[in-house]
Amino acid sequence: MLQAADFTDYSKSFPKDIQIKMEALRAVIKKAAPKAAEVISYGMPAFKLNGMLVYFAAYEKHIGFYPTPSAIESFKKEISIYKSAKGSVQFPHDKPLPLKLVARMVKFRLAENMLKEKKKQ
């Protein structure tokens, strides 16, 4: 499979209901980190500002959200109802996306990256 050029290219390969969920997730991330650049990285939609913030991707039964291990650890109580791993959480297609939680996780990652950048200077 060829790598997608951008989010629209990526999302059009999924059914309409999944495209709608992906667009909602994308919109929440953009609102939480308005200055972040949208990219395709590792074949997935992602956002970066002073380094990578988050990645996300659609799969057959879920949307994977990849906010790095630090965010997974910091929000482990809130994400405990979902399947998760060291740096990822799975949002099943048959449940609503936790958009407020995603926004908080993105803002957490944004704060981490801003602090990291400040320490560099």
PDB file of N, CA and C in Angstrom:
ATOM      1  N   MET A   1       0.833  -1.191   0.000  1.00  0.00           N
ATOM      2  CA  MET A   1       0.000   0.000   0.000  1.00  0.00           C
ATOM      3  C   MET A   1       0.880   1.257   0.000  1.00  0.00           C
ATOM      4  N   LEU A   2       0.526   2.219  -0.794  1.00  0.00           N
ATOM      5  CA  LEU A   2       1.262   3.475  -0.832  1.00  0.00           C
ATOM      6  C   LEU A   2       0.951   4.297   0.408  1.00  0.00           C
ATOM      7  N   GLN A   3       1.927   5.056   0.859  1.00  0.00           N
ATOM      8  CA  GLN A   3       1.697   5.912   2.018  1.00  0.00           C
ATOM      9  C   GLN A   3       0.799   7.083   1.627  1.00  0.00           C
ATOM     10  N   ALA A   4      -0.109   7.415   2.505  1.00  0.00           N
ATOM     11  CA  ALA A   4      -1.012   8.541   2.277  1.00  0.00           C
ATOM     12  C   ALA A   4      -0.219   9.843   2.245  1.00  0.00           C
ATOM     13  N   ALA A   5      -0.671  10.760   1.406  1.00  0.00           N
ATOM     14  CA  ALA A   5      -0.007  12.061   1.289  1.00  0.00           C
ATOM     15  C   ALA A   5      -0.441  13.010   2.405  1.00  0.00           C
ATOM     16  N   ASP A   6      -1.690  12.873   2.864  1.00  0.00           N
ATOM     17  CA  ASP A   6      -2.222  13.745   3.908  1.00  0.00           C
ATOM     18  C   ASP A   6      -3.416  13.063   4.579  1.00  0.00           C
ATOM     19  N   PHE A   7      -4.032  13.751   5.519  1.00  0.00           N
ATOM     20  CA  PHE A   7      -5.137  13.167   6.277  1.00  0.00           C
ATOM     21  C   PHE A   7      -6.282  12.738   5.359  1.00  0.00           C
ATOM     22  N   THR A   8      -6.665  13.578   4.430  1.00  0.00           N
ATOM     23  CA  THR A   8      -7.787  13.263   3.535  1.00  0.00           C
ATOM     24  C   THR A   8      -7.496  11.995   2.744  1.00  0.00           C
ATOM     25  N   ASP A   9      -6.295  11.910   2.228  1.00  0.00           N
ATOM     26  CA  ASP A   9      -5.865  10.733   1.488  1.00  0.00           C
ATOM     27  C   ASP A   9      -5.919   9.492   2.386  1.00  0.00           C
ATOM     28  N   TYR A  10      -5.465   9.634   3.620  1.00  0.00           N
ATOM     29  CA  TYR A  10      -5.470   8.525   4.586  1.00  0.00           C
ATOM     30  C   TYR A  10      -6.898   8.083   4.900  1.00  0.00           C
ATOM     31  N   SER A  11      -7.751   9.030   5.249  1.00  0.00           N
ATOM     32  CA  SER A  11      -9.080   8.674   5.748  1.00  0.00           C
ATOM     33  C   SER A  11     -10.009   8.115   4.672  1.00  0.00           C
ATOM     34  N   LYS A  12      -9.790   8.474   3.418  1.00  0.00           N
ATOM     35  CA  LYS A  12     -10.720   8.031   2.369  1.00  0.00           C
ATOM     36  C   LYS A  12     -10.676   6.516   2.130  1.00  0.00           C
ATOM     37  N   SER A  13      -9.685   5.843   2.686  1.00  0.00           N
ATOM     38  CA  SER A  13      -9.610   4.394   2.522  1.00  0.00           C
ATOM     39  C   SER A  13     -10.469   3.639   3.547  1.00  0.00           C
ATOM     40  N   PHE A  14     -11.155   4.384   4.419  1.00  0.00           N
ATOM     41  CA  PHE A  14     -11.988   3.766   5.456  1.00  0.00           C
ATOM     42  C   PHE A  14     -13.466   4.031   5.195  1.00  0.00           C
ATOM     43  N   PRO A  15     -14.349   3.188   5.771  1.00  0.00           N
ATOM     44  CA  PRO A  15     -15.797   3.424   5.623  1.00  0.00           C
ATOM     45  C   PRO A  15     -16.186   4.804   6.173  1.00  0.00           C
ATOM     46  N   LYS A  16     -17.293   5.326   5.674  1.00  0.00           N
ATOM     47  CA  LYS A  16     -17.742   6.676   6.022  1.00  0.00           C
ATOM     48  C   LYS A  16     -17.870   6.886   7.534  1.00  0.00           C
ATOM     49  N   ASP A  17     -18.429   5.917   8.255  1.00  0.00           N
ATOM     50  CA  ASP A  17     -18.598   6.091   9.703  1.00  0.00           C
ATOM     51  C   ASP A  17     -17.248   6.233  10.412  1.00  0.00           C
ATOM     52  N   ILE A  18     -16.242   5.542   9.928  1.00  0.00           N
ATOM     53  CA  ILE A  18     -14.900   5.645  10.510  1.00  0.00           C
ATOM     54  C   ILE A  18     -14.271   6.983  10.104  1.00  0.00           C
ATOM     55  N   GLN A  19     -14.496   7.409   8.880  1.00  0.00           N
ATOM     56  CA  GLN A  19     -13.996   8.715   8.433  1.00  0.00           C
ATOM     57  C   GLN A  19     -14.542   9.826   9.332  1.00  0.00           C
ATOM     58  N   ILE A  20     -15.802   9.739   9.690  1.00  0.00           N
ATOM     59  CA  ILE A  20     -16.430  10.753  10.544  1.00  0.00           C
ATOM     60  C   ILE A  20     -15.774  10.772  11.923  1.00  0.00           C
ATOM     61  N   LYS A  21     -15.511   9.600  12.478  1.00  0.00           N
ATOM     62  CA  LYS A  21     -14.834   9.528  13.784  1.00  0.00           C
ATOM     63  C   LYS A  21     -13.406  10.078  13.695  1.00  0.00           C
ATOM     64  N   MET A  22     -12.717   9.716  12.617  1.00  0.00           N
ATOM     65  CA  MET A  22     -11.343  10.198  12.440  1.00  0.00           C
ATOM     66  C   MET A  22     -11.320  11.719  12.303  1.00  0.00           C
ATOM     67  N   GLU A  23     -12.279  12.268  11.583  1.00  0.00           N
ATOM     68  CA  GLU A  23     -12.358  13.721  11.414  1.00  0.00           C
ATOM     69  C   GLU A  23     -12.645  14.404  12.751  1.00  0.00           C
ATOM     70  N   ALA A  24     -13.498  13.804  13.569  1.00  0.00           N
ATOM     71  CA  ALA A  24     -13.802  14.366  14.894  1.00  0.00           C
ATOM     72  C   ALA A  24     -12.545  14.364  15.770  1.00  0.00           C
ATOM     73  N   LEU A  25     -11.806  13.273  15.733  1.00  0.00           N
ATOM     74  CA  LEU A  25     -10.565  13.179  16.509  1.00  0.00           C
ATOM     75  C   LEU A  25      -9.562  14.226  16.027  1.00  0.00           C
ATOM     76  N   ARG A  26      -9.420  14.338  14.727  1.00  0.00           N
ATOM     77  CA  ARG A  26      -8.512  15.323  14.133  1.00  0.00           C
ATOM     78  C   ARG A  26      -8.890  16.743  14.568  1.00  0.00           C
ATOM     79  N   ALA A  27     -10.180  17.063  14.534  1.00  0.00           N
ATOM     80  CA  ALA A  27     -10.647  18.405  14.901  1.00  0.00           C
ATOM     81  C   ALA A  27     -10.338  18.725  16.360  1.00  0.00           C
ATOM     82  N   VAL A  28     -10.511  17.750  17.230  1.00  0.00           N
ATOM     83  CA  VAL A  28     -10.219  17.961  18.659  1.00  0.00           C
ATOM     84  C   VAL A  28      -8.727  18.198  18.869  1.00  0.00           C
ATOM     85  N   ILE A  29      -7.907  17.440  18.171  1.00  0.00           N
ATOM     86  CA  ILE A  29      -6.452  17.612  18.292  1.00  0.00           C
ATOM     87  C   ILE A  29      -6.050  18.997  17.786  1.00  0.00           C
ATOM     88  N   LYS A  30      -6.598  19.398  16.635  1.00  0.00           N
ATOM     89  CA  LYS A  30      -6.288  20.726  16.083  1.00  0.00           C
ATOM     90  C   LYS A  30      -6.705  21.839  17.040  1.00  0.00           C
ATOM     91  N   LYS A  31      -7.858  21.687  17.668  1.00  0.00           N
ATOM     92  CA  LYS A  31      -8.336  22.710  18.594  1.00  0.00           C
ATOM     93  C   LYS A  31      -7.460  22.771  19.852  1.00  0.00           C
ATOM     94  N   ALA A  32      -7.020  21.606  20.328  1.00  0.00           N
ATOM     95  CA  ALA A  32      -6.186  21.554  21.532  1.00  0.00           C
ATOM     96  C   ALA A  32      -4.762  22.047  21.266  1.00  0.00           C
ATOM     97  N   ALA A  33      -4.302  21.888  20.041  1.00  0.00           N
ATOM     98  CA  ALA A  33      -2.935  22.303  19.673  1.00  0.00           C
ATOM     99  C   ALA A  33      -2.985  23.035  18.335  1.00  0.00           C
ATOM    100  N   PRO A  34      -3.564  24.248  18.315  1.00  0.00           N
ATOM    101  CA  PRO A  34      -3.797  24.948  17.044  1.00  0.00           C
ATOM    102  C   PRO A  34      -2.539  25.286  16.247  1.00  0.00           C
ATOM    103  N   LYS A  35      -1.399  25.389  16.894  1.00  0.00           N
ATOM    104  CA  LYS A  35      -0.163  25.733  16.179  1.00  0.00           C
ATOM    105  C   LYS A  35       0.604  24.503  15.697  1.00  0.00           C
ATOM    106  N   ALA A  36       0.117  23.322  16.042  1.00  0.00           N
ATOM    107  CA  ALA A  36       0.807  22.091  15.647  1.00  0.00           C
ATOM    108  C   ALA A  36       0.655  21.844  14.150  1.00  0.00           C
ATOM    109  N   ALA A  37       1.691  21.292  13.566  1.00  0.00           N
ATOM    110  CA  ALA A  37       1.674  20.935  12.148  1.00  0.00           C
ATOM    111  C   ALA A  37       1.106  19.535  11.993  1.00  0.00           C
ATOM    112  N   GLU A  38       0.255  19.395  11.005  1.00  0.00           N
ATOM    113  CA  GLU A  38      -0.327  18.088  10.700  1.00  0.00           C
ATOM    114  C   GLU A  38       0.573  17.387   9.698  1.00  0.00           C
ATOM    115  N   VAL A  39       0.929  16.145   9.994  1.00  0.00           N
ATOM    116  CA  VAL A  39       1.830  15.381   9.138  1.00  0.00           C
ATOM    117  C   VAL A  39       1.344  13.931   9.028  1.00  0.00           C
ATOM    118  N   ILE A  40       1.921  13.224   8.085  1.00  0.00           N
ATOM    119  CA  ILE A  40       1.775  11.772   8.040  1.00  0.00           C
ATOM    120  C   ILE A  40       3.146  11.230   8.439  1.00  0.00           C
ATOM    121  N   SER A  41       3.175  10.436   9.495  1.00  0.00           N
ATOM    122  CA  SER A  41       4.424   9.879   9.993  1.00  0.00           C
ATOM    123  C   SER A  41       4.187   8.409  10.330  1.00  0.00           C
ATOM    124  N   TYR A  42       5.102   7.550   9.932  1.00  0.00           N
ATOM    125  CA  TYR A  42       4.920   6.102  10.096  1.00  0.00           C
ATOM    126  C   TYR A  42       3.601   5.653   9.466  1.00  0.00           C
ATOM    127  N   GLY A  43       3.184   6.323   8.404  1.00  0.00           N
ATOM    128  CA  GLY A  43       1.973   5.958   7.698  1.00  0.00           C
ATOM    129  C   GLY A  43       0.678   6.364   8.386  1.00  0.00           C
ATOM    130  N   MET A  44       0.782   7.169   9.448  1.00  0.00           N
ATOM    131  CA  MET A  44      -0.394   7.577  10.226  1.00  0.00           C
ATOM    132  C   MET A  44      -0.508   9.094  10.290  1.00  0.00           C
ATOM    133  N   PRO A  45      -1.727   9.603  10.435  1.00  0.00           N
ATOM    134  CA  PRO A  45      -1.882  11.030  10.719  1.00  0.00           C
ATOM    135  C   PRO A  45      -1.229  11.344  12.068  1.00  0.00           C
ATOM    136  N   ALA A  46      -0.583  12.488  12.152  1.00  0.00           N
ATOM    137  CA  ALA A  46       0.097  12.880  13.379  1.00  0.00           C
ATOM    138  C   ALA A  46       0.168  14.401  13.446  1.00  0.00           C
ATOM    139  N   PHE A  47       0.460  14.877  14.642  1.00  0.00           N
ATOM    140  CA  PHE A  47       0.653  16.312  14.851  1.00  0.00           C
ATOM    141  C   PHE A  47       1.967  16.513  15.571  1.00  0.00           C
ATOM    142  N   LYS A  48       2.672  17.585  15.169  1.00  0.00           N
ATOM    143  CA  LYS A  48       3.937  17.862  15.837  1.00  0.00           C
ATOM    144  C   LYS A  48       4.111  19.349  16.083  1.00  0.00           C
ATOM    145  N   LEU A  49       4.747  19.649  17.181  1.00  0.00           N
ATOM    146  CA  LEU A  49       5.124  21.002  17.559  1.00  0.00           C
ATOM    147  C   LEU A  49       6.249  20.842  18.575  1.00  0.00           C
ATOM    148  N   ASN A  50       7.422  21.294  18.233  1.00  0.00           N
ATOM    149  CA  ASN A  50       8.603  21.053  19.072  1.00  0.00           C
ATOM    150  C   ASN A  50       8.774  19.556  19.310  1.00  0.00           C
ATOM    151  N   GLY A  51       8.609  18.787  18.271  1.00  0.00           N
ATOM    152  CA  GLY A  51       8.656  17.327  18.351  1.00  0.00           C
ATOM    153  C   GLY A  51       7.263  16.754  18.148  1.00  0.00           C
ATOM    154  N   MET A  52       7.178  15.447  18.070  1.00  0.00           N
ATOM    155  CA  MET A  52       5.885  14.802  17.852  1.00  0.00           C
ATOM    156  C   MET A  52       4.996  14.962  19.091  1.00  0.00           C
ATOM    157  N   LEU A  53       3.712  15.240  18.826  1.00  0.00           N
ATOM    158  CA  LEU A  53       2.730  15.329  19.910  1.00  0.00           C
ATOM    159  C   LEU A  53       1.974  14.011  20.028  1.00  0.00           C
ATOM    160  N   VAL A  54       1.197  13.695  18.990  1.00  0.00           N
ATOM    161  CA  VAL A  54       0.370  12.485  18.994  1.00  0.00           C
ATOM    162  C   VAL A  54       0.237  11.939  17.578  1.00  0.00           C
ATOM    163  N   TYR A  55      -0.046  10.648  17.513  1.00  0.00           N
ATOM    164  CA  TYR A  55      -0.386   9.963  16.278  1.00  0.00           C
ATOM    165  C   TYR A  55      -1.766   9.343  16.479  1.00  0.00           C
ATOM    166  N   PHE A  56      -2.453   9.039  15.383  1.00  0.00           N
ATOM    167  CA  PHE A  56      -3.676   8.256  15.484  1.00  0.00           C
ATOM    168  C   PHE A  56      -3.878   7.497  14.183  1.00  0.00           C
ATOM    169  N   ALA A  57      -4.609   6.399  14.260  1.00  0.00           N
ATOM    170  CA  ALA A  57      -4.797   5.558  13.077  1.00  0.00           C
ATOM    171  C   ALA A  57      -6.057   4.721  13.231  1.00  0.00           C
ATOM    172  N   ALA A  58      -6.683   4.431  12.119  1.00  0.00           N
ATOM    173  CA  ALA A  58      -7.885   3.593  12.137  1.00  0.00           C
ATOM    174  C   ALA A  58      -7.518   2.145  11.826  1.00  0.00           C
ATOM    175  N   TYR A  59      -8.208   1.260  12.487  1.00  0.00           N
ATOM    176  CA  TYR A  59      -8.052  -0.176  12.280  1.00  0.00           C
ATOM    177  C   TYR A  59      -9.447  -0.788  12.136  1.00  0.00           C
ATOM    178  N   GLU A  60      -9.498  -2.077  11.925  1.00  0.00           N
ATOM    179  CA  GLU A  60     -10.780  -2.743  11.676  1.00  0.00           C
ATOM    180  C   GLU A  60     -11.776  -2.549  12.820  1.00  0.00           C
ATOM    181  N   LYS A  61     -11.316  -2.649  14.057  1.00  0.00           N
ATOM    182  CA  LYS A  61     -12.244  -2.601  15.191  1.00  0.00           C
ATOM    183  C   LYS A  61     -12.068  -1.404  16.128  1.00  0.00           C
ATOM    184  N   HIS A  62     -11.046  -0.587  15.867  1.00  0.00           N
ATOM    185  CA  HIS A  62     -10.789   0.534  16.780  1.00  0.00           C
ATOM    186  C   HIS A  62     -10.004   1.642  16.088  1.00  0.00           C
ATOM    187  N   ILE A  63      -9.910   2.758  16.794  1.00  0.00           N
ATOM    188  CA  ILE A  63      -8.994   3.829  16.413  1.00  0.00           C
ATOM    189  C   ILE A  63      -7.881   3.822  17.452  1.00  0.00           C
ATOM    190  N   GLY A  64      -6.670   3.722  16.977  1.00  0.00           N
ATOM    191  CA  GLY A  64      -5.515   3.759  17.865  1.00  0.00           C
ATOM    192  C   GLY A  64      -5.084   5.206  18.056  1.00  0.00           C
ATOM    193  N   PHE A  65      -4.833   5.558  19.301  1.00  0.00           N
ATOM    194  CA  PHE A  65      -4.358   6.905  19.645  1.00  0.00           C
ATOM    195  C   PHE A  65      -3.032   6.731  20.352  1.00  0.00           C
ATOM    196  N   TYR A  66      -2.015   7.449  19.894  1.00  0.00           N
ATOM    197  CA  TYR A  66      -0.642   7.261  20.358  1.00  0.00           C
ATOM    198  C   TYR A  66      -0.097   8.576  20.923  1.00  0.00           C
ATOM    199  N   PRO A  67      -0.336   8.835  22.215  1.00  0.00           N
ATOM    200  CA  PRO A  67       0.113  10.093  22.814  1.00  0.00           C
ATOM    201  C   PRO A  67       1.441   9.990  23.566  1.00  0.00           C
ATOM    202  N   THR A  68       2.192   8.954  23.363  1.00  0.00           N
ATOM    203  CA  THR A  68       3.467   8.644  24.022  1.00  0.00           C
ATOM    204  C   THR A  68       3.245   8.013  25.399  1.00  0.00           C
ATOM    205  N   PRO A  69       4.244   7.259  25.872  1.00  0.00           N
ATOM    206  CA  PRO A  69       4.112   6.588  27.171  1.00  0.00           C
ATOM    207  C   PRO A  69       3.841   7.532  28.349  1.00  0.00           C
ATOM    208  N   SER A  70       4.392   8.731  28.316  1.00  0.00           N
ATOM    209  CA  SER A  70       4.187   9.649  29.448  1.00  0.00           C
ATOM    210  C   SER A  70       2.708  10.021  29.603  1.00  0.00           C
ATOM    211  N   ALA A  71       2.025  10.247  28.500  1.00  0.00           N
ATOM    212  CA  ALA A  71       0.595  10.587  28.565  1.00  0.00           C
ATOM    213  C   ALA A  71      -0.229   9.375  28.972  1.00  0.00           C
ATOM    214  N   ILE A  72       0.122   8.207  28.474  1.00  0.00           N
ATOM    215  CA  ILE A  72      -0.597   6.983  28.866  1.00  0.00           C
ATOM    216  C   ILE A  72      -0.475   6.796  30.375  1.00  0.00           C
ATOM    217  N   GLU A  73       0.713   6.989  30.903  1.00  0.00           N
ATOM    218  CA  GLU A  73       0.935   6.849  32.349  1.00  0.00           C
ATOM    219  C   GLU A  73       0.152   7.905  33.128  1.00  0.00           C
ATOM    220  N   SER A  74       0.186   9.138  32.671  1.00  0.00           N
ATOM    221  CA  SER A  74      -0.478  10.234  33.381  1.00  0.00           C
ATOM    222  C   SER A  74      -2.003  10.121  33.370  1.00  0.00           C
ATOM    223  N   PHE A  75      -2.546   9.463  32.367  1.00  0.00           N
ATOM    224  CA  PHE A  75      -4.003   9.341  32.233  1.00  0.00           C
ATOM    225  C   PHE A  75      -4.473   7.898  32.397  1.00  0.00           C
ATOM    226  N   LYS A  76      -3.665   7.067  33.079  1.00  0.00           N
ATOM    227  CA  LYS A  76      -3.985   5.638  33.142  1.00  0.00           C
ATOM    228  C   LYS A  76      -5.331   5.355  33.808  1.00  0.00           C
ATOM    229  N   LYS A  77      -5.723   6.168  34.765  1.00  0.00           N
ATOM    230  CA  LYS A  77      -7.019   5.940  35.409  1.00  0.00           C
ATOM    231  C   LYS A  77      -8.158   6.195  34.410  1.00  0.00           C
ATOM    232  N   GLU A  78      -8.082   7.311  33.688  1.00  0.00           N
ATOM    233  CA  GLU A  78      -9.129   7.672  32.733  1.00  0.00           C
ATOM    234  C   GLU A  78      -9.217   6.708  31.547  1.00  0.00           C
ATOM    235  N   ILE A  79      -8.085   6.143  31.151  1.00  0.00           N
ATOM    236  CA  ILE A  79      -8.109   5.237  29.996  1.00  0.00           C
ATOM    237  C   ILE A  79      -8.251   3.773  30.403  1.00  0.00           C
ATOM    238  N   SER A  80      -8.404   3.512  31.686  1.00  0.00           N
ATOM    239  CA  SER A  80      -8.457   2.120  32.166  1.00  0.00           C
ATOM    240  C   SER A  80      -9.620   1.318  31.579  1.00  0.00           C
ATOM    241  N   ILE A  81     -10.644   1.987  31.075  1.00  0.00           N
ATOM    242  CA  ILE A  81     -11.778   1.268  30.472  1.00  0.00           C
ATOM    243  C   ILE A  81     -11.486   0.834  29.034  1.00  0.00           C
ATOM    244  N   TYR A  82     -10.337   1.260  28.507  1.00  0.00           N
ATOM    245  CA  TYR A  82      -9.950   0.917  27.142  1.00  0.00           C
ATOM    246  C   TYR A  82      -8.743  -0.015  27.161  1.00  0.00           C
ATOM    247  N   LYS A  83      -8.548  -0.721  26.073  1.00  0.00           N
ATOM    248  CA  LYS A  83      -7.341  -1.510  25.907  1.00  0.00           C
ATOM    249  C   LYS A  83      -6.205  -0.524  25.642  1.00  0.00           C
ATOM    250  N   SER A  84      -5.105  -0.703  26.361  1.00  0.00           N
ATOM    251  CA  SER A  84      -3.980   0.209  26.162  1.00  0.00           C
ATOM    252  C   SER A  84      -2.662  -0.546  26.281  1.00  0.00           C
ATOM    253  N   ALA A  85      -1.620   0.110  25.853  1.00  0.00           N
ATOM    254  CA  ALA A  85      -0.257  -0.416  25.946  1.00  0.00           C
ATOM    255  C   ALA A  85       0.634   0.731  26.389  1.00  0.00           C
ATOM    256  N   LYS A  86       1.934   0.531  26.377  1.00  0.00           N
ATOM    257  CA  LYS A  86       2.872   1.525  26.887  1.00  0.00           C
ATOM    258  C   LYS A  86       2.678   2.920  26.296  1.00  0.00           C
ATOM    259  N   GLY A  87       2.421   3.014  24.996  1.00  0.00           N
ATOM    260  CA  GLY A  87       2.307   4.331  24.368  1.00  0.00           C
ATOM    261  C   GLY A  87       1.033   4.536  23.583  1.00  0.00           C
ATOM    262  N   SER A  88       0.033   3.650  23.797  1.00  0.00           N
ATOM    263  CA  SER A  88      -1.171   3.729  22.965  1.00  0.00           C
ATOM    264  C   SER A  88      -2.430   3.357  23.737  1.00  0.00           C
ATOM    265  N   VAL A  89      -3.544   3.785  23.170  1.00  0.00           N
ATOM    266  CA  VAL A  89      -4.861   3.402  23.692  1.00  0.00           C
ATOM    267  C   VAL A  89      -5.760   3.134  22.496  1.00  0.00           C
ATOM    268  N   GLN A  90      -6.660   2.159  22.653  1.00  0.00           N
ATOM    269  CA  GLN A  90      -7.568   1.788  21.570  1.00  0.00           C
ATOM    270  C   GLN A  90      -8.985   2.232  21.902  1.00  0.00           C
ATOM    271  N   PHE A  91      -9.575   3.008  21.000  1.00  0.00           N
ATOM    272  CA  PHE A  91     -10.966   3.440  21.145  1.00  0.00           C
ATOM    273  C   PHE A  91     -11.814   2.601  20.195  1.00  0.00           C
ATOM    274  N   PRO A  92     -12.626   1.669  20.742  1.00  0.00           N
ATOM    275  CA  PRO A  92     -13.421   0.780  19.883  1.00  0.00           C
ATOM    276  C   PRO A  92     -14.434   1.560  19.041  1.00  0.00           C
ATOM    277  N   HIS A  93     -14.669   1.061  17.831  1.00  0.00           N
ATOM    278  CA  HIS A  93     -15.612   1.718  16.925  1.00  0.00           C
ATOM    279  C   HIS A  93     -17.042   1.713  17.455  1.00  0.00           C
ATOM    280  N   ASP A  94     -17.376   0.744  18.296  1.00  0.00           N
ATOM    281  CA  ASP A  94     -18.755   0.647  18.782  1.00  0.00           C
ATOM    282  C   ASP A  94     -19.034   1.507  20.018  1.00  0.00           C
ATOM    283  N   LYS A  95     -18.070   2.351  20.391  1.00  0.00           N
ATOM    284  CA  LYS A  95     -18.256   3.268  21.529  1.00  0.00           C
ATOM    285  C   LYS A  95     -17.925   4.690  21.068  1.00  0.00           C
ATOM    286  N   PRO A  96     -18.537   5.697  21.707  1.00  0.00           N
ATOM    287  CA  PRO A  96     -18.205   7.082  21.339  1.00  0.00           C
ATOM    288  C   PRO A  96     -16.743   7.394  21.666  1.00  0.00           C
ATOM    289  N   LEU A  97     -16.148   8.246  20.864  1.00  0.00           N
ATOM    290  CA  LEU A  97     -14.779   8.685  21.154  1.00  0.00           C
ATOM    291  C   LEU A  97     -14.783   9.578  22.394  1.00  0.00           C
ATOM    292  N   PRO A  98     -13.819   9.408  23.293  1.00  0.00           N
ATOM    293  CA  PRO A  98     -13.726  10.272  24.478  1.00  0.00           C
ATOM    294  C   PRO A  98     -13.003  11.578  24.121  1.00  0.00           C
ATOM    295  N   LEU A  99     -13.671  12.445  23.389  1.00  0.00           N
ATOM    296  CA  LEU A  99     -13.011  13.620  22.812  1.00  0.00           C
ATOM    297  C   LEU A  99     -12.469  14.585  23.864  1.00  0.00           C
ATOM    298  N   LYS A 100     -13.166  14.746  24.979  1.00  0.00           N
ATOM    299  CA  LYS A 100     -12.657  15.636  26.038  1.00  0.00           C
ATOM    300  C   LYS A 100     -11.370  15.075  26.634  1.00  0.00           C
ATOM    301  N   LEU A 101     -11.318  13.777  26.806  1.00  0.00           N
ATOM    302  CA  LEU A 101     -10.104  13.128  27.311  1.00  0.00           C
ATOM    303  C   LEU A 101      -8.964  13.287  26.303  1.00  0.00           C
ATOM    304  N   VAL A 102      -9.260  13.090  25.039  1.00  0.00           N
ATOM    305  CA  VAL A 102      -8.235  13.255  24.000  1.00  0.00           C
ATOM    306  C   VAL A 102      -7.684  14.686  24.037  1.00  0.00           C
ATOM    307  N   ALA A 103      -8.557  15.666  24.155  1.00  0.00           N
ATOM    308  CA  ALA A 103      -8.114  17.068  24.213  1.00  0.00           C
ATOM    309  C   ALA A 103      -7.176  17.285  25.401  1.00  0.00           C
ATOM    310  N   ARG A 104      -7.522  16.728  26.546  1.00  0.00           N
ATOM    311  CA  ARG A 104      -6.663  16.875  27.733  1.00  0.00           C
ATOM    312  C   ARG A 104      -5.309  16.198  27.518  1.00  0.00           C
ATOM    313  N   MET A 105      -5.315  15.052  26.872  1.00  0.00           N
ATOM    314  CA  MET A 105      -4.060  14.347  26.616  1.00  0.00           C
ATOM    315  C   MET A 105      -3.188  15.128  25.627  1.00  0.00           C
ATOM    316  N   VAL A 106      -3.803  15.710  24.625  1.00  0.00           N
ATOM    317  CA  VAL A 106      -3.050  16.519  23.655  1.00  0.00           C
ATOM    318  C   VAL A 106      -2.445  17.735  24.359  1.00  0.00           C
ATOM    319  N   LYS A 107      -3.218  18.393  25.197  1.00  0.00           N
ATOM    320  CA  LYS A 107      -2.697  19.561  25.932  1.00  0.00           C
ATOM    321  C   LYS A 107      -1.564  19.157  26.869  1.00  0.00           C
ATOM    322  N   PHE A 108      -1.675  17.989  27.476  1.00  0.00           N
ATOM    323  CA  PHE A 108      -0.597  17.458  28.317  1.00  0.00           C
ATOM    324  C   PHE A 108       0.676  17.292  27.486  1.00  0.00           C
ATOM    325  N   ARG A 109       0.537  16.684  26.299  1.00  0.00           N
ATOM    326  CA  ARG A 109       1.693  16.475  25.429  1.00  0.00           C
ATOM    327  C   ARG A 109       2.266  17.803  24.941  1.00  0.00           C
ATOM    328  N   LEU A 110       1.409  18.738  24.656  1.00  0.00           N
ATOM    329  CA  LEU A 110       1.847  20.062  24.227  1.00  0.00           C
ATOM    330  C   LEU A 110       2.687  20.715  25.323  1.00  0.00           C
ATOM    331  N   ALA A 111       2.206  20.640  26.556  1.00  0.00           N
ATOM    332  CA  ALA A 111       2.954  21.205  27.693  1.00  0.00           C
ATOM    333  C   ALA A 111       4.305  20.508  27.846  1.00  0.00           C
ATOM    334  N   GLU A 112       4.342  19.202  27.679  1.00  0.00           N
ATOM    335  CA  GLU A 112       5.617  18.460  27.763  1.00  0.00           C
ATOM    336  C   GLU A 112       6.595  18.946  26.702  1.00  0.00           C
ATOM    337  N   ASN A 113       6.111  19.076  25.474  1.00  0.00           N
ATOM    338  CA  ASN A 113       6.999  19.491  24.387  1.00  0.00           C
ATOM    339  C   ASN A 113       7.459  20.936  24.545  1.00  0.00           C
ATOM    340  N   MET A 114       6.584  21.809  25.061  1.00  0.00           N
ATOM    341  CA  MET A 114       6.977  23.195  25.278  1.00  0.00           C
ATOM    342  C   MET A 114       8.057  23.280  26.367  1.00  0.00           C
ATOM    343  N   LEU A 115       7.896  22.487  27.415  1.00  0.00           N
ATOM    344  CA  LEU A 115       8.881  22.463  28.492  1.00  0.00           C
ATOM    345  C   LEU A 115      10.225  21.936  27.978  1.00  0.00           C
ATOM    346  N   LYS A 116      10.175  20.877  27.189  1.00  0.00           N
ATOM    347  CA  LYS A 116      11.376  20.299  26.611  1.00  0.00           C
ATOM    348  C   LYS A 116      12.100  21.335  25.743  1.00  0.00           C
ATOM    349  N   GLU A 117      11.323  22.073  24.950  1.00  0.00           N
ATOM    350  CA  GLU A 117      11.896  23.096  24.082  1.00  0.00           C
ATOM    351  C   GLU A 117      12.499  24.240  24.903  1.00  0.00           C
ATOM    352  N   LYS A 118      11.831  24.614  25.968  1.00  0.00           N
ATOM    353  CA  LYS A 118      12.321  25.692  26.835  1.00  0.00           C
ATOM    354  C   LYS A 118      13.645  25.308  27.479  1.00  0.00           C
ATOM    355  N   LYS A 119      13.766  24.050  27.889  1.00  0.00           N
ATOM    356  CA  LYS A 119      15.000  23.567  28.508  1.00  0.00           C
ATOM    357  C   LYS A 119      16.170  23.568  27.530  1.00  0.00           C
ATOM    358  N   LYS A 120      15.858  23.365  26.240  1.00  0.00           N
ATOM    359  CA  LYS A 120      16.903  23.372  25.208  1.00  0.00           C
ATOM    360  C   LYS A 120      17.519  24.755  25.047  1.00  0.00           C
ATOM    361  N   GLN A 121      16.703  25.798  25.224  1.00  0.00           N
ATOM    362  CA  GLN A 121      17.156  27.172  24.950  1.00  0.00           C
ATOM    363  C   GLN A 121      18.030  27.748  26.017  1.00  0.00           C
TER     364      GLN A 121
END
